[in-house]
């Protein structure tokens, strides 16, 4: 779609956006067609406009893209932070106060009674491969078995790679805002 700016005849600070097909789009962020214009600017840049894109419209598209990148980066880093299914997760134990105190006769001070608490449970790694039964086209033939990579591990690796690609492509300004 190609857009053109139509200045308001009496208010030179106001404009509408004309689109192919005679559609006139007000410069209102609540308008869904206006949001589509911002999406087109994000995806196509100046190619979707005849003439220059007004600064405020470009700024709105940039802000929308930045917000989308923040959401995508946050989701991607959260996905990467999850444990790797093929590796599992180690148990984490911390010493935490129990709420009780005892008197230390050497220091003459009250001290917290500490206890070891499991704060992260261990998770065993998944088996690297699984065996599945394969049935042929011949109903009289005996089924066979084949060993394949565990589909859960395959999916985990694919999701991690996709999340890492998002992280790698995220502009530093977005990373600085989130981190």
N, C-alpha and C. Protein backbone atom coordinates (compact mmCIF):
# COMPACT_ATOMS: atom_id res chain seq x y z
N UNK A 1 0.85 -1.17 0.00
CA UNK A 1 0.00 0.00 0.00
C UNK A 1 0.90 1.23 0.00
N UNK A 2 0.45 2.25 -0.70
CA UNK A 2 1.18 3.51 -0.76
C UNK A 2 0.35 4.58 -0.05
N UNK A 3 1.05 5.38 0.75
CA UNK A 3 0.39 6.44 1.52
C UNK A 3 0.87 7.80 1.05
N UNK A 4 -0.02 8.79 1.22
CA UNK A 4 0.30 10.18 0.95
C UNK A 4 -0.21 11.01 2.13
N UNK A 5 0.47 12.09 2.40
CA UNK A 5 0.05 12.98 3.48
C UNK A 5 -0.88 14.04 2.88
N UNK A 6 -2.02 14.24 3.53
CA UNK A 6 -2.98 15.27 3.13
C UNK A 6 -3.07 16.27 4.27
N UNK A 7 -2.52 17.46 4.05
CA UNK A 7 -2.54 18.49 5.08
C UNK A 7 -3.96 19.02 5.25
N UNK A 8 -4.32 19.33 6.47
CA UNK A 8 -5.64 19.91 6.77
C UNK A 8 -5.65 21.32 6.17
N UNK A 9 -6.73 21.71 5.45
CA UNK A 9 -6.73 22.99 4.75
C UNK A 9 -6.65 24.23 5.67
N UNK A 10 -7.21 24.13 6.88
CA UNK A 10 -7.20 25.31 7.75
C UNK A 10 -6.22 25.19 8.90
N UNK A 11 -5.85 23.96 9.29
CA UNK A 11 -4.91 23.75 10.39
C UNK A 11 -3.66 23.10 9.82
N UNK A 12 -2.64 23.90 9.59
CA UNK A 12 -1.43 23.40 8.93
C UNK A 12 -0.62 22.44 9.80
N UNK A 13 -0.96 22.32 11.08
CA UNK A 13 -0.28 21.37 11.95
C UNK A 13 -0.99 20.01 11.97
N UNK A 14 -2.10 19.91 11.24
CA UNK A 14 -2.90 18.70 11.25
C UNK A 14 -2.92 18.08 9.86
N UNK A 15 -2.94 16.77 9.81
CA UNK A 15 -2.97 16.08 8.52
C UNK A 15 -3.68 14.75 8.66
N UNK A 16 -4.05 14.21 7.53
CA UNK A 16 -4.55 12.84 7.48
C UNK A 16 -3.66 12.08 6.51
N UNK A 17 -3.79 10.80 6.53
CA UNK A 17 -2.97 9.95 5.68
C UNK A 17 -3.91 9.34 4.66
N UNK A 18 -3.64 9.61 3.39
CA UNK A 18 -4.45 9.03 2.32
C UNK A 18 -3.76 7.76 1.85
N UNK A 19 -4.57 6.72 1.67
CA UNK A 19 -4.05 5.43 1.23
C UNK A 19 -4.65 5.08 -0.12
N UNK A 20 -4.02 4.14 -0.80
CA UNK A 20 -4.56 3.64 -2.06
C UNK A 20 -6.02 3.24 -1.84
N UNK A 21 -6.84 3.46 -2.83
CA UNK A 21 -8.24 3.08 -2.73
C UNK A 21 -9.09 4.17 -2.14
N UNK A 22 -8.52 5.36 -1.88
CA UNK A 22 -9.31 6.47 -1.38
C UNK A 22 -9.52 6.50 0.11
N UNK A 23 -8.86 5.64 0.86
CA UNK A 23 -9.02 5.60 2.31
C UNK A 23 -8.28 6.77 2.94
N UNK A 24 -8.96 7.53 3.78
CA UNK A 24 -8.34 8.63 4.52
C UNK A 24 -8.21 8.19 5.98
N UNK A 25 -6.98 8.17 6.46
CA UNK A 25 -6.69 7.65 7.80
C UNK A 25 -6.32 8.82 8.71
N UNK A 26 -7.06 9.03 9.79
CA UNK A 26 -6.69 10.11 10.71
C UNK A 26 -5.41 9.76 11.47
N UNK A 27 -4.68 10.78 11.87
CA UNK A 27 -3.45 10.54 12.64
C UNK A 27 -3.83 10.37 14.11
N UNK A 28 -4.50 9.26 14.38
CA UNK A 28 -5.01 8.94 15.72
C UNK A 28 -4.48 7.57 16.13
N UNK A 29 -3.65 7.49 17.17
CA UNK A 29 -3.08 6.20 17.58
C UNK A 29 -4.12 5.13 17.93
N UNK A 30 -5.35 5.53 18.25
CA UNK A 30 -6.39 4.56 18.58
C UNK A 30 -7.01 3.94 17.34
N UNK A 31 -6.72 4.49 16.17
CA UNK A 31 -7.30 4.01 14.93
C UNK A 31 -6.49 2.81 14.41
N UNK A 32 -7.17 1.71 14.09
CA UNK A 32 -6.46 0.50 13.66
C UNK A 32 -5.77 0.69 12.32
N UNK A 33 -6.35 1.51 11.44
CA UNK A 33 -5.70 1.78 10.16
C UNK A 33 -4.41 2.59 10.37
N UNK A 34 -4.43 3.50 11.32
CA UNK A 34 -3.22 4.25 11.68
C UNK A 34 -2.13 3.29 12.17
N UNK A 35 -2.53 2.31 12.98
CA UNK A 35 -1.57 1.31 13.46
C UNK A 35 -1.00 0.50 12.30
N UNK A 36 -1.83 0.22 11.29
CA UNK A 36 -1.35 -0.49 10.11
C UNK A 36 -0.33 0.36 9.34
N UNK A 37 -0.57 1.68 9.30
CA UNK A 37 0.40 2.59 8.66
C UNK A 37 1.73 2.50 9.39
N UNK A 38 1.69 2.52 10.73
CA UNK A 38 2.93 2.41 11.51
C UNK A 38 3.63 1.09 11.22
N UNK A 39 2.85 0.00 11.14
CA UNK A 39 3.44 -1.31 10.82
C UNK A 39 4.10 -1.30 9.44
N UNK A 40 3.45 -0.65 8.48
CA UNK A 40 4.03 -0.58 7.13
C UNK A 40 5.32 0.25 7.13
N UNK A 41 5.34 1.33 7.91
CA UNK A 41 6.57 2.13 8.01
C UNK A 41 7.68 1.28 8.63
N UNK A 42 7.35 0.50 9.67
CA UNK A 42 8.34 -0.37 10.31
C UNK A 42 8.88 -1.39 9.31
N UNK A 43 7.99 -1.99 8.53
CA UNK A 43 8.38 -3.06 7.61
C UNK A 43 9.02 -2.54 6.32
N UNK A 44 8.49 -1.42 5.78
CA UNK A 44 8.92 -0.97 4.46
C UNK A 44 9.70 0.33 4.46
N UNK A 45 9.66 1.07 5.55
CA UNK A 45 10.33 2.36 5.59
C UNK A 45 9.66 3.36 4.66
N UNK A 46 10.45 4.24 4.08
CA UNK A 46 9.93 5.31 3.24
C UNK A 46 9.35 4.80 1.93
N UNK A 47 9.59 3.54 1.60
CA UNK A 47 9.08 2.96 0.35
C UNK A 47 7.56 2.98 0.28
N UNK A 48 6.88 3.01 1.42
CA UNK A 48 5.42 2.96 1.41
C UNK A 48 4.79 4.35 1.35
N UNK A 49 5.62 5.39 1.23
CA UNK A 49 5.10 6.76 1.21
C UNK A 49 5.49 7.48 -0.08
N UNK A 50 4.57 8.29 -0.55
CA UNK A 50 4.89 9.25 -1.60
C UNK A 50 5.32 10.50 -0.86
N UNK A 51 6.54 10.91 -1.06
CA UNK A 51 7.05 12.07 -0.34
C UNK A 51 7.64 11.65 1.00
N UNK A 52 7.90 12.65 1.83
CA UNK A 52 8.52 12.39 3.13
C UNK A 52 7.50 11.96 4.17
N UNK A 53 7.96 11.13 5.09
CA UNK A 53 7.13 10.73 6.23
C UNK A 53 7.24 11.84 7.27
N UNK A 54 6.14 12.37 7.77
CA UNK A 54 6.23 13.40 8.81
C UNK A 54 7.01 12.88 10.03
N UNK A 55 7.75 13.77 10.66
CA UNK A 55 8.60 13.39 11.79
C UNK A 55 7.82 12.72 12.91
N UNK A 56 6.64 13.27 13.24
CA UNK A 56 5.87 12.68 14.34
C UNK A 56 5.37 11.28 13.99
N UNK A 57 5.07 11.03 12.72
CA UNK A 57 4.62 9.71 12.29
C UNK A 57 5.79 8.72 12.33
N UNK A 58 6.95 9.17 11.87
CA UNK A 58 8.14 8.31 11.94
C UNK A 58 8.50 8.02 13.39
N UNK A 59 8.39 9.02 14.26
CA UNK A 59 8.68 8.83 15.68
C UNK A 59 7.71 7.82 16.31
N UNK A 60 6.45 7.89 15.91
CA UNK A 60 5.46 6.93 16.43
C UNK A 60 5.78 5.52 15.96
N UNK A 61 6.19 5.37 14.70
CA UNK A 61 6.57 4.05 14.18
C UNK A 61 7.81 3.53 14.90
N UNK A 62 8.77 4.41 15.13
CA UNK A 62 9.99 4.01 15.85
C UNK A 62 9.67 3.57 17.27
N UNK A 63 8.77 4.29 17.95
CA UNK A 63 8.39 3.94 19.32
C UNK A 63 7.67 2.59 19.35
N UNK A 64 6.80 2.36 18.37
CA UNK A 64 6.08 1.08 18.31
C UNK A 64 7.06 -0.06 18.06
N UNK A 65 7.99 0.14 17.15
CA UNK A 65 8.98 -0.90 16.86
C UNK A 65 9.85 -1.17 18.10
N UNK A 66 10.24 -0.12 18.80
CA UNK A 66 11.05 -0.28 20.00
C UNK A 66 10.30 -1.11 21.04
N UNK A 67 9.00 -0.81 21.23
CA UNK A 67 8.19 -1.56 22.20
C UNK A 67 8.07 -3.02 21.80
N UNK A 68 7.90 -3.27 20.49
CA UNK A 68 7.83 -4.65 20.01
C UNK A 68 9.16 -5.38 20.25
N UNK A 69 10.26 -4.68 20.04
CA UNK A 69 11.58 -5.29 20.26
C UNK A 69 11.82 -5.58 21.73
N UNK A 70 11.34 -4.72 22.62
CA UNK A 70 11.46 -4.97 24.06
C UNK A 70 10.73 -6.25 24.44
N UNK A 71 9.50 -6.39 23.93
CA UNK A 71 8.71 -7.59 24.24
C UNK A 71 9.41 -8.84 23.70
N UNK A 72 9.86 -8.79 22.45
CA UNK A 72 10.51 -9.94 21.83
C UNK A 72 11.81 -10.30 22.55
N UNK A 73 12.60 -9.30 22.91
CA UNK A 73 13.87 -9.53 23.60
C UNK A 73 13.64 -10.13 24.99
N UNK A 74 12.64 -9.60 25.69
CA UNK A 74 12.32 -10.11 27.03
C UNK A 74 11.89 -11.57 26.97
N UNK A 75 11.05 -11.90 26.00
CA UNK A 75 10.60 -13.29 25.84
C UNK A 75 11.75 -14.20 25.44
N UNK A 76 12.61 -13.72 24.57
CA UNK A 76 13.74 -14.54 24.10
C UNK A 76 14.73 -14.81 25.23
N UNK A 77 15.06 -13.79 26.02
CA UNK A 77 16.00 -14.01 27.11
C UNK A 77 15.40 -14.92 28.18
N UNK A 78 14.09 -14.82 28.39
CA UNK A 78 13.43 -15.72 29.35
C UNK A 78 13.49 -17.16 28.85
N UNK A 79 13.33 -17.35 27.55
CA UNK A 79 13.38 -18.71 26.99
C UNK A 79 14.78 -19.28 27.10
N UNK A 80 15.78 -18.48 26.82
CA UNK A 80 17.17 -18.95 26.90
C UNK A 80 17.54 -19.29 28.34
N UNK A 81 16.96 -18.57 29.30
CA UNK A 81 17.29 -18.79 30.71
C UNK A 81 16.75 -20.12 31.25
N UNK A 82 15.80 -20.71 30.56
CA UNK A 82 15.27 -22.00 31.02
C UNK A 82 16.35 -23.07 30.88
N UNK A 83 16.25 -24.08 31.71
CA UNK A 83 17.26 -25.13 31.66
C UNK A 83 17.20 -25.89 30.34
N UNK A 84 18.32 -26.46 29.94
CA UNK A 84 18.43 -27.20 28.68
C UNK A 84 17.98 -28.63 28.94
N UNK A 85 17.01 -29.10 28.18
CA UNK A 85 16.41 -30.41 28.42
C UNK A 85 17.43 -31.55 28.32
N UNK A 86 18.39 -31.42 27.42
CA UNK A 86 19.38 -32.49 27.26
C UNK A 86 20.43 -32.48 28.36
N UNK A 87 20.49 -31.39 29.14
CA UNK A 87 21.49 -31.26 30.20
C UNK A 87 20.88 -31.46 31.59
N UNK A 88 19.63 -31.03 31.74
CA UNK A 88 18.99 -31.10 33.05
C UNK A 88 19.35 -29.88 33.88
N UNK A 89 19.12 -30.00 35.19
CA UNK A 89 19.40 -28.88 36.07
C UNK A 89 19.90 -29.41 37.40
N UNK A 90 20.93 -28.77 37.92
CA UNK A 90 21.49 -29.14 39.21
C UNK A 90 20.61 -28.61 40.35
N UNK A 91 20.62 -29.31 41.44
CA UNK A 91 19.93 -28.85 42.63
C UNK A 91 20.71 -27.69 43.24
N UNK A 92 20.00 -26.67 43.71
CA UNK A 92 20.64 -25.53 44.36
C UNK A 92 20.14 -25.48 45.80
N UNK A 93 21.09 -25.47 46.72
CA UNK A 93 20.78 -25.44 48.14
C UNK A 93 21.39 -24.17 48.73
N UNK A 94 20.59 -23.45 49.53
CA UNK A 94 21.07 -22.24 50.19
C UNK A 94 20.85 -22.38 51.69
N UNK A 95 21.72 -21.76 52.43
CA UNK A 95 21.57 -21.69 53.87
C UNK A 95 20.73 -20.45 54.17
N UNK A 96 19.57 -20.66 54.82
CA UNK A 96 18.65 -19.56 55.10
C UNK A 96 18.28 -19.55 56.57
N UNK A 97 17.98 -18.37 57.11
CA UNK A 97 17.59 -18.29 58.53
C UNK A 97 16.23 -18.98 58.75
N UNK A 98 16.12 -19.65 59.90
CA UNK A 98 14.88 -20.36 60.22
C UNK A 98 13.88 -19.49 60.95
N UNK A 99 14.32 -18.33 61.41
CA UNK A 99 13.45 -17.46 62.21
C UNK A 99 13.78 -17.58 63.70
N UNK A 100 14.58 -18.59 64.05
CA UNK A 100 15.01 -18.76 65.44
C UNK A 100 16.37 -18.10 65.62
N UNK A 101 16.64 -17.72 66.88
CA UNK A 101 17.95 -17.16 67.19
C UNK A 101 18.50 -17.84 68.44
N UNK A 102 19.83 -17.92 68.49
CA UNK A 102 20.50 -18.47 69.68
C UNK A 102 21.56 -17.48 70.13
N UNK A 103 21.89 -17.58 71.40
CA UNK A 103 22.91 -16.70 71.97
C UNK A 103 24.27 -17.33 71.77
N UNK A 104 25.20 -16.57 71.16
CA UNK A 104 26.57 -17.02 70.95
C UNK A 104 27.39 -16.56 72.14
N UNK A 105 27.88 -17.54 72.93
CA UNK A 105 28.61 -17.21 74.16
C UNK A 105 30.00 -16.64 73.88
N UNK A 106 30.53 -16.85 72.68
CA UNK A 106 31.85 -16.30 72.35
C UNK A 106 31.76 -14.84 71.95
N UNK A 107 30.71 -14.48 71.19
CA UNK A 107 30.58 -13.09 70.73
C UNK A 107 29.59 -12.29 71.57
N UNK A 108 28.87 -12.98 72.44
CA UNK A 108 27.85 -12.37 73.29
C UNK A 108 26.78 -11.65 72.46
N UNK A 109 26.43 -12.27 71.32
CA UNK A 109 25.39 -11.71 70.45
C UNK A 109 24.41 -12.80 70.06
N UNK A 110 23.21 -12.36 69.69
CA UNK A 110 22.21 -13.29 69.18
C UNK A 110 22.52 -13.55 67.70
N UNK A 111 22.41 -14.81 67.29
CA UNK A 111 22.69 -15.19 65.91
C UNK A 111 21.51 -16.00 65.37
N UNK A 112 21.28 -15.85 64.08
CA UNK A 112 20.22 -16.60 63.43
C UNK A 112 20.60 -18.07 63.34
N UNK A 113 19.60 -18.93 63.55
CA UNK A 113 19.78 -20.36 63.30
C UNK A 113 19.56 -20.57 61.81
N UNK A 114 20.51 -21.22 61.17
CA UNK A 114 20.45 -21.40 59.72
C UNK A 114 20.12 -22.86 59.41
N UNK A 115 19.48 -23.05 58.26
CA UNK A 115 19.16 -24.39 57.79
C UNK A 115 19.36 -24.42 56.27
N UNK A 116 19.83 -25.55 55.77
CA UNK A 116 19.97 -25.70 54.32
C UNK A 116 18.60 -25.97 53.72
N UNK A 117 18.28 -25.21 52.67
CA UNK A 117 16.99 -25.29 52.01
C UNK A 117 17.21 -25.46 50.51
N UNK A 118 16.49 -26.39 49.91
CA UNK A 118 16.56 -26.56 48.47
C UNK A 118 15.74 -25.45 47.84
N UNK A 119 16.42 -24.58 47.05
CA UNK A 119 15.72 -23.48 46.40
C UNK A 119 15.43 -23.77 44.92
N UNK A 120 16.19 -24.69 44.34
CA UNK A 120 15.95 -25.14 42.97
C UNK A 120 16.11 -26.65 42.96
N UNK A 121 15.07 -27.34 42.55
CA UNK A 121 15.13 -28.80 42.52
C UNK A 121 15.92 -29.27 41.30
N UNK A 122 16.55 -30.41 41.44
CA UNK A 122 17.29 -30.99 40.33
C UNK A 122 16.31 -31.60 39.33
N UNK A 123 16.68 -31.53 38.07
CA UNK A 123 15.90 -32.17 37.01
C UNK A 123 16.89 -32.97 36.18
N UNK A 124 16.59 -34.24 36.03
CA UNK A 124 17.46 -35.12 35.25
C UNK A 124 17.38 -34.76 33.77
N UNK A 125 18.47 -34.90 33.05
CA UNK A 125 18.40 -34.65 31.60
C UNK A 125 17.52 -35.70 30.91
N UNK A 126 16.94 -35.31 29.81
CA UNK A 126 16.15 -36.25 29.03
C UNK A 126 17.07 -37.20 28.28
N UNK A 127 16.55 -38.37 27.98
CA UNK A 127 17.30 -39.31 27.16
C UNK A 127 17.53 -38.68 25.79
N UNK A 128 18.72 -38.83 25.24
CA UNK A 128 19.08 -38.20 23.98
C UNK A 128 18.29 -38.78 22.80
N UNK A 129 17.95 -40.06 22.89
CA UNK A 129 17.22 -40.69 21.79
C UNK A 129 16.00 -41.41 22.34
N UNK A 130 15.06 -41.66 21.44
CA UNK A 130 13.88 -42.45 21.78
C UNK A 130 13.68 -43.48 20.68
N UNK A 131 13.03 -44.56 21.03
CA UNK A 131 12.73 -45.61 20.07
C UNK A 131 11.25 -45.54 19.75
N UNK A 132 10.95 -45.61 18.46
CA UNK A 132 9.55 -45.59 18.06
C UNK A 132 9.28 -46.76 17.12
N UNK A 133 8.04 -47.18 17.13
CA UNK A 133 7.61 -48.28 16.27
C UNK A 133 7.19 -47.72 14.94
N UNK A 134 7.67 -48.37 13.86
CA UNK A 134 7.35 -47.92 12.50
C UNK A 134 6.54 -49.02 11.83
N UNK A 135 5.39 -48.64 11.31
CA UNK A 135 4.53 -49.56 10.61
C UNK A 135 4.65 -49.29 9.11
N UNK A 136 4.86 -50.32 8.34
CA UNK A 136 4.99 -50.18 6.89
C UNK A 136 3.64 -50.15 6.22
N UNK A 137 3.65 -50.11 4.89
CA UNK A 137 2.43 -50.08 4.10
C UNK A 137 1.74 -51.44 4.06
N UNK A 138 2.53 -52.49 4.23
CA UNK A 138 1.99 -53.85 4.18
C UNK A 138 1.43 -54.22 5.55
N UNK A 139 0.11 -54.43 5.64
CA UNK A 139 -0.47 -54.75 6.95
C UNK A 139 -0.01 -56.11 7.49
N UNK A 140 0.51 -56.96 6.63
CA UNK A 140 0.99 -58.29 7.05
C UNK A 140 2.41 -58.23 7.61
N UNK A 141 3.15 -57.17 7.27
CA UNK A 141 4.55 -57.08 7.69
C UNK A 141 4.65 -56.73 9.17
N UNK A 142 5.69 -57.21 9.79
CA UNK A 142 5.94 -56.91 11.20
C UNK A 142 6.43 -55.47 11.32
N UNK A 143 5.97 -54.77 12.34
CA UNK A 143 6.47 -53.41 12.55
C UNK A 143 7.96 -53.46 12.96
N UNK A 144 8.64 -52.40 12.66
CA UNK A 144 10.06 -52.30 13.04
C UNK A 144 10.21 -51.16 14.03
N UNK A 145 11.38 -51.09 14.62
CA UNK A 145 11.68 -50.01 15.55
C UNK A 145 12.84 -49.20 15.00
N UNK A 146 12.80 -47.90 15.25
CA UNK A 146 13.91 -47.05 14.86
C UNK A 146 14.22 -46.12 16.03
N UNK A 147 15.46 -45.74 16.12
CA UNK A 147 15.91 -44.83 17.16
C UNK A 147 16.12 -43.46 16.53
N UNK A 148 15.51 -42.45 17.15
CA UNK A 148 15.62 -41.08 16.65
C UNK A 148 16.00 -40.15 17.80
N UNK A 149 16.45 -38.96 17.45
CA UNK A 149 16.71 -37.96 18.48
C UNK A 149 15.41 -37.66 19.21
N UNK A 150 15.50 -37.49 20.51
CA UNK A 150 14.33 -37.18 21.32
C UNK A 150 13.66 -35.91 20.77
N UNK A 151 12.39 -36.01 20.34
CA UNK A 151 11.71 -34.84 19.77
C UNK A 151 11.62 -33.65 20.73
N UNK A 152 11.56 -33.91 22.02
CA UNK A 152 11.52 -32.81 22.99
C UNK A 152 12.84 -32.05 23.00
N UNK A 153 13.94 -32.77 22.85
CA UNK A 153 15.25 -32.12 22.79
C UNK A 153 15.38 -31.34 21.48
N UNK A 154 14.91 -31.93 20.39
CA UNK A 154 14.94 -31.24 19.09
C UNK A 154 14.18 -29.93 19.17
N UNK A 155 12.97 -29.97 19.74
CA UNK A 155 12.16 -28.76 19.87
C UNK A 155 12.84 -27.75 20.77
N UNK A 156 13.40 -28.20 21.88
CA UNK A 156 14.11 -27.32 22.80
C UNK A 156 15.26 -26.62 22.08
N UNK A 157 16.03 -27.36 21.32
CA UNK A 157 17.16 -26.77 20.58
C UNK A 157 16.69 -25.74 19.56
N UNK A 158 15.60 -26.05 18.85
CA UNK A 158 15.06 -25.13 17.85
C UNK A 158 14.56 -23.84 18.51
N UNK A 159 13.85 -23.97 19.62
CA UNK A 159 13.34 -22.79 20.32
C UNK A 159 14.48 -21.94 20.86
N UNK A 160 15.53 -22.59 21.37
CA UNK A 160 16.69 -21.85 21.87
C UNK A 160 17.40 -21.11 20.74
N UNK A 161 17.54 -21.77 19.59
CA UNK A 161 18.20 -21.13 18.45
C UNK A 161 17.39 -19.92 17.98
N UNK A 162 16.07 -20.05 17.92
CA UNK A 162 15.22 -18.94 17.50
C UNK A 162 15.31 -17.79 18.51
N UNK A 163 15.31 -18.11 19.79
CA UNK A 163 15.43 -17.08 20.82
C UNK A 163 16.79 -16.39 20.75
N UNK A 164 17.84 -17.16 20.50
CA UNK A 164 19.17 -16.56 20.39
C UNK A 164 19.26 -15.65 19.18
N UNK A 165 18.60 -16.02 18.09
CA UNK A 165 18.57 -15.16 16.90
C UNK A 165 17.90 -13.82 17.21
N UNK A 166 16.82 -13.85 18.00
CA UNK A 166 16.15 -12.61 18.40
C UNK A 166 17.10 -11.76 19.23
N UNK A 167 17.78 -12.39 20.19
CA UNK A 167 18.72 -11.66 21.04
C UNK A 167 19.84 -11.04 20.20
N UNK A 168 20.38 -11.82 19.27
CA UNK A 168 21.48 -11.33 18.43
C UNK A 168 21.06 -10.17 17.54
N UNK A 169 19.81 -10.16 17.09
CA UNK A 169 19.32 -9.11 16.18
C UNK A 169 18.78 -7.89 16.90
N UNK A 170 18.65 -7.97 18.22
CA UNK A 170 18.08 -6.85 18.98
C UNK A 170 19.08 -5.71 19.07
N UNK A 171 18.64 -4.48 18.76
CA UNK A 171 19.53 -3.33 18.88
C UNK A 171 20.00 -3.14 20.33
N UNK A 172 21.21 -2.61 20.47
CA UNK A 172 21.80 -2.43 21.80
C UNK A 172 20.96 -1.52 22.67
N UNK A 173 20.32 -0.50 22.09
CA UNK A 173 19.49 0.42 22.89
C UNK A 173 18.35 -0.33 23.56
N UNK A 174 17.78 -1.32 22.89
CA UNK A 174 16.70 -2.12 23.47
C UNK A 174 17.27 -2.97 24.61
N UNK A 175 18.40 -3.61 24.36
CA UNK A 175 19.03 -4.45 25.39
C UNK A 175 19.35 -3.60 26.63
N UNK A 176 19.88 -2.40 26.42
CA UNK A 176 20.22 -1.53 27.55
C UNK A 176 18.99 -1.15 28.35
N UNK A 177 17.86 -0.95 27.67
CA UNK A 177 16.62 -0.61 28.35
C UNK A 177 16.11 -1.77 29.20
N UNK A 178 16.18 -2.97 28.65
CA UNK A 178 15.65 -4.15 29.36
C UNK A 178 16.60 -4.60 30.46
N UNK A 179 17.89 -4.64 30.14
CA UNK A 179 18.88 -5.13 31.12
C UNK A 179 19.18 -4.04 32.10
